[in-house]
Protein backbone atom coordinates (compact mmCIF):
# COMPACT_ATOMS: atom_id res chain seq x y z
CA MET A 1 42.84 29.36 78.74
CA LYS A 2 40.55 26.40 79.30
CA PRO A 3 41.40 24.26 82.34
CA LYS A 4 42.62 20.73 81.72
CA ILE A 5 40.05 17.96 81.84
CA ILE A 6 41.52 14.68 82.97
CA ILE A 7 39.20 11.69 83.15
CA GLY A 8 40.43 8.53 84.82
CA LEU A 9 38.29 5.55 83.87
CA ILE A 10 37.75 2.73 86.34
CA GLY A 11 35.53 -0.25 85.66
CA GLU A 12 35.30 -3.98 85.64
CA LEU A 13 36.57 -6.06 82.76
CA ALA A 14 34.79 -5.12 79.47
CA ALA A 15 32.59 -2.49 81.13
CA GLY A 16 33.23 -0.02 78.29
CA LYS A 17 36.40 1.86 79.19
CA GLY A 18 37.89 1.37 75.71
CA THR A 19 34.65 2.43 74.02
CA ILE A 20 34.52 5.59 76.09
CA THR A 21 38.19 6.30 75.39
CA ARG A 22 37.62 5.98 71.62
CA TYR A 23 34.56 8.24 71.82
CA LEU A 24 36.46 10.94 73.72
CA LYS A 25 39.38 10.77 71.28
CA GLU A 26 37.10 11.01 68.24
CA ASN A 27 34.62 13.58 69.56
CA HIS A 28 36.65 15.66 72.00
CA GLN A 29 40.19 15.23 70.63
CA ALA A 30 41.25 13.68 73.93
CA VAL A 31 44.69 12.18 74.30
CA SER A 32 44.66 8.79 75.98
CA PHE A 33 46.92 6.77 78.23
CA ARG A 34 46.33 3.16 79.24
CA PHE A 35 47.97 1.46 82.18
CA SER A 36 48.40 -1.56 79.93
CA ASP A 37 50.33 0.32 77.18
CA PRO A 38 53.81 -0.11 78.71
CA LEU A 39 52.99 -3.73 79.49
CA ARG A 40 51.93 -4.43 75.89
CA GLU A 41 55.02 -2.65 74.56
CA THR A 42 57.27 -4.74 76.82
CA LEU A 43 55.66 -8.00 75.70
CA ASN A 44 56.01 -6.99 72.05
CA ILE A 45 59.69 -6.13 72.51
CA PHE A 46 60.33 -9.63 73.84
CA ASP A 47 58.07 -11.23 71.21
CA LEU A 48 55.75 -12.66 73.85
CA ASP A 49 52.00 -13.16 73.50
CA VAL A 50 50.05 -10.07 74.49
CA SER A 51 47.75 -12.00 76.78
CA ARG A 52 46.06 -10.82 79.94
CA GLU A 53 48.09 -13.36 81.94
CA ASN A 54 51.40 -12.10 80.53
CA MET A 55 50.42 -8.48 81.18
CA GLN A 56 49.54 -9.35 84.77
CA ASN A 57 52.89 -11.14 85.19
CA ILE A 58 54.87 -8.16 83.84
CA SER A 59 52.84 -5.77 85.99
CA THR A 60 53.46 -7.86 89.10
CA MET A 61 57.19 -8.03 88.35
CA LEU A 62 57.44 -4.26 87.86
CA ARG A 63 55.41 -3.45 90.97
CA THR A 64 57.29 -5.99 93.10
CA ASN A 65 60.70 -4.68 92.06
CA PHE A 66 60.02 -0.95 91.62
CA GLY A 67 57.01 -0.20 93.83
CA GLU A 68 53.25 -0.67 93.68
CA ASN A 69 52.82 2.75 92.11
CA ILE A 70 55.36 2.44 89.27
CA LEU A 71 52.79 2.55 86.43
CA ALA A 72 50.66 5.22 88.09
CA LYS A 73 53.71 7.44 88.66
CA ALA A 74 54.66 7.13 84.99
CA ILE A 75 51.16 8.06 83.82
CA ALA A 76 50.83 10.94 86.30
CA LYS A 77 54.16 12.31 85.07
CA LYS A 78 53.04 12.14 81.42
CA VAL A 79 49.75 13.85 82.27
CA ARG A 80 51.41 16.65 84.27
CA GLU A 81 54.07 17.30 81.62
CA GLY A 82 51.70 17.20 78.64
CA ASP A 83 50.18 20.25 77.01
CA ASP A 84 46.92 18.49 76.16
CA ASN A 85 43.68 20.00 77.44
CA PHE A 86 41.65 16.79 77.45
CA ILE A 87 43.18 13.56 78.70
CA VAL A 88 41.58 10.20 79.33
CA ILE A 89 43.34 7.57 81.43
CA ASP A 90 42.02 4.08 80.77
CA GLY A 91 42.43 1.43 83.43
CA VAL A 92 42.64 2.94 86.90
CA ARG A 93 42.48 -0.12 89.16
CA ARG A 94 44.39 0.25 92.41
CA HIS A 95 44.47 2.60 95.38
CA THR A 96 48.04 3.52 94.38
CA ASP A 97 46.77 4.55 90.94
CA LEU A 98 44.26 6.89 92.52
CA GLU A 99 46.80 8.23 95.05
CA ASN A 100 49.15 9.24 92.24
CA LEU A 101 46.48 10.77 90.01
CA SER A 102 44.00 12.39 92.37
CA ASP A 103 46.24 15.36 93.11
CA VAL A 104 46.74 16.15 89.41
CA PRO A 105 44.74 19.35 88.73
CA GLY A 106 41.64 18.62 86.65
CA PHE A 107 41.51 14.89 87.53
CA ASN A 108 38.08 13.25 87.72
CA LEU A 109 37.52 9.54 88.40
CA VAL A 110 34.64 8.06 86.38
CA TYR A 111 33.33 4.59 87.21
CA ILE A 112 31.90 2.59 84.31
CA THR A 113 29.83 -0.42 85.20
CA ALA A 114 27.72 -2.98 83.34
CA ASP A 115 26.02 -6.29 84.01
CA GLN A 116 28.50 -9.17 84.26
CA LYS A 117 26.84 -11.26 81.52
CA ILE A 118 26.84 -8.28 79.13
CA ARG A 119 30.51 -7.68 79.90
CA HIS A 120 31.38 -11.34 79.25
CA ASP A 121 29.67 -11.22 75.86
CA ARG A 122 31.59 -8.05 74.95
CA TYR A 123 34.86 -9.54 76.13
CA VAL A 124 34.48 -12.62 73.93
CA LYS A 125 33.41 -10.56 70.89
CA ARG A 126 36.25 -8.05 71.06
CA ASN A 127 38.88 -10.83 71.33
CA GLU A 128 41.58 -8.31 72.28
CA ASN A 129 44.09 -10.78 73.74
CA VAL A 130 45.10 -14.29 72.74
CA GLY A 131 42.35 -16.78 73.68
CA ASP A 132 39.70 -14.23 74.69
CA ASP A 133 37.25 -15.52 72.10
CA LYS A 134 37.10 -18.90 73.88
CA MET A 135 36.43 -17.52 77.37
CA THR A 136 33.52 -19.24 79.14
CA PHE A 137 31.33 -17.28 81.53
CA ALA A 138 32.68 -19.31 84.48
CA ASP A 139 36.27 -18.55 83.42
CA PHE A 140 35.35 -14.88 83.01
CA GLN A 141 34.04 -14.80 86.58
CA ILE A 142 37.31 -16.31 87.81
CA LYS A 143 39.36 -13.89 85.70
CA GLU A 144 37.61 -10.96 87.37
CA GLN A 145 39.07 -12.10 90.69
CA ALA A 146 42.64 -11.73 89.39
CA GLU A 147 45.00 -9.58 91.43
CA ALA A 148 44.86 -6.75 88.90
CA ASP A 149 41.10 -6.38 89.25
CA ARG A 150 40.45 -7.11 92.93
CA GLN A 151 40.67 -3.49 94.11
CA ILE A 152 38.32 -2.06 91.45
CA PRO A 153 35.08 -2.22 93.52
CA GLU A 154 36.72 -0.49 96.49
CA VAL A 155 38.58 2.16 94.45
CA ALA A 156 35.42 2.83 92.40
CA LYS A 157 33.71 4.08 95.55
CA SER A 158 35.91 7.19 95.23
CA ALA A 159 34.59 7.99 91.75
CA ASN A 160 33.35 11.51 91.09
CA TYR A 161 30.91 10.20 88.46
CA LYS A 162 29.29 6.88 87.51
CA ILE A 163 28.17 5.63 84.10
CA ASN A 164 26.02 2.52 83.63
CA ASN A 165 26.78 0.82 80.32
CA ASP A 166 24.00 -1.77 80.15
CA GLY A 167 22.23 0.03 77.32
CA SER A 168 22.89 1.13 73.76
CA LEU A 169 25.89 3.04 72.44
CA GLU A 170 23.70 6.11 72.07
CA GLN A 171 22.77 5.92 75.76
CA LEU A 172 26.44 5.52 76.68
CA TYR A 173 27.45 8.51 74.56
CA GLN A 174 24.74 10.65 76.17
CA GLN A 175 25.98 9.71 79.63
CA ILE A 176 29.52 10.65 78.59
CA GLU A 177 28.34 14.04 77.33
CA ASP A 178 26.34 14.60 80.52
CA THR A 179 29.41 13.76 82.60
CA ILE A 180 31.63 16.16 80.63
CA LYS A 181 29.03 18.89 81.11
CA LYS A 182 29.04 18.30 84.89
CA ILE A 183 32.85 18.34 84.96
CA ASN A 184 32.88 21.65 83.09
CA GLU A 185 30.36 23.13 85.52
CA ASN A 186 32.56 22.35 88.54
């Protein structure tokens, strides 16, 4: 039986985590989990805007009342209990995330990075949350200092692999394939 491959993606805002997740789902039949999924579901249940600010507020409330690692524990549990052989976890951000996932057999942390201006342009174009399409570069720089993203540079230092997403999609896909090959060799 093939060992489980679990890829945790860490990266700054709009670095390409979602693009990599989609690629792995389409080309490697990976199952994906996002730290933001339970937050989005909660906002939808209460008919609130699925905005980055609201997700951060819900996340802060959950972590304040139930522990810093509440979301990471939930994802680690799903990963451990699942039968899937290829799992991608989108949105590792905090030390507590890494603490809860790093001891899961087959876990590899992959850091995705890209130039800040490129990431801003992508963020505005994808318009994933309410108001994203109107985000100025200055506001984007401020947004990156939000509590949810402050630990990313430090946690990313623990990454097993690094992908630079300044280039084309083809270059990104090749880096993904190269990373999977290295994971399989270890």
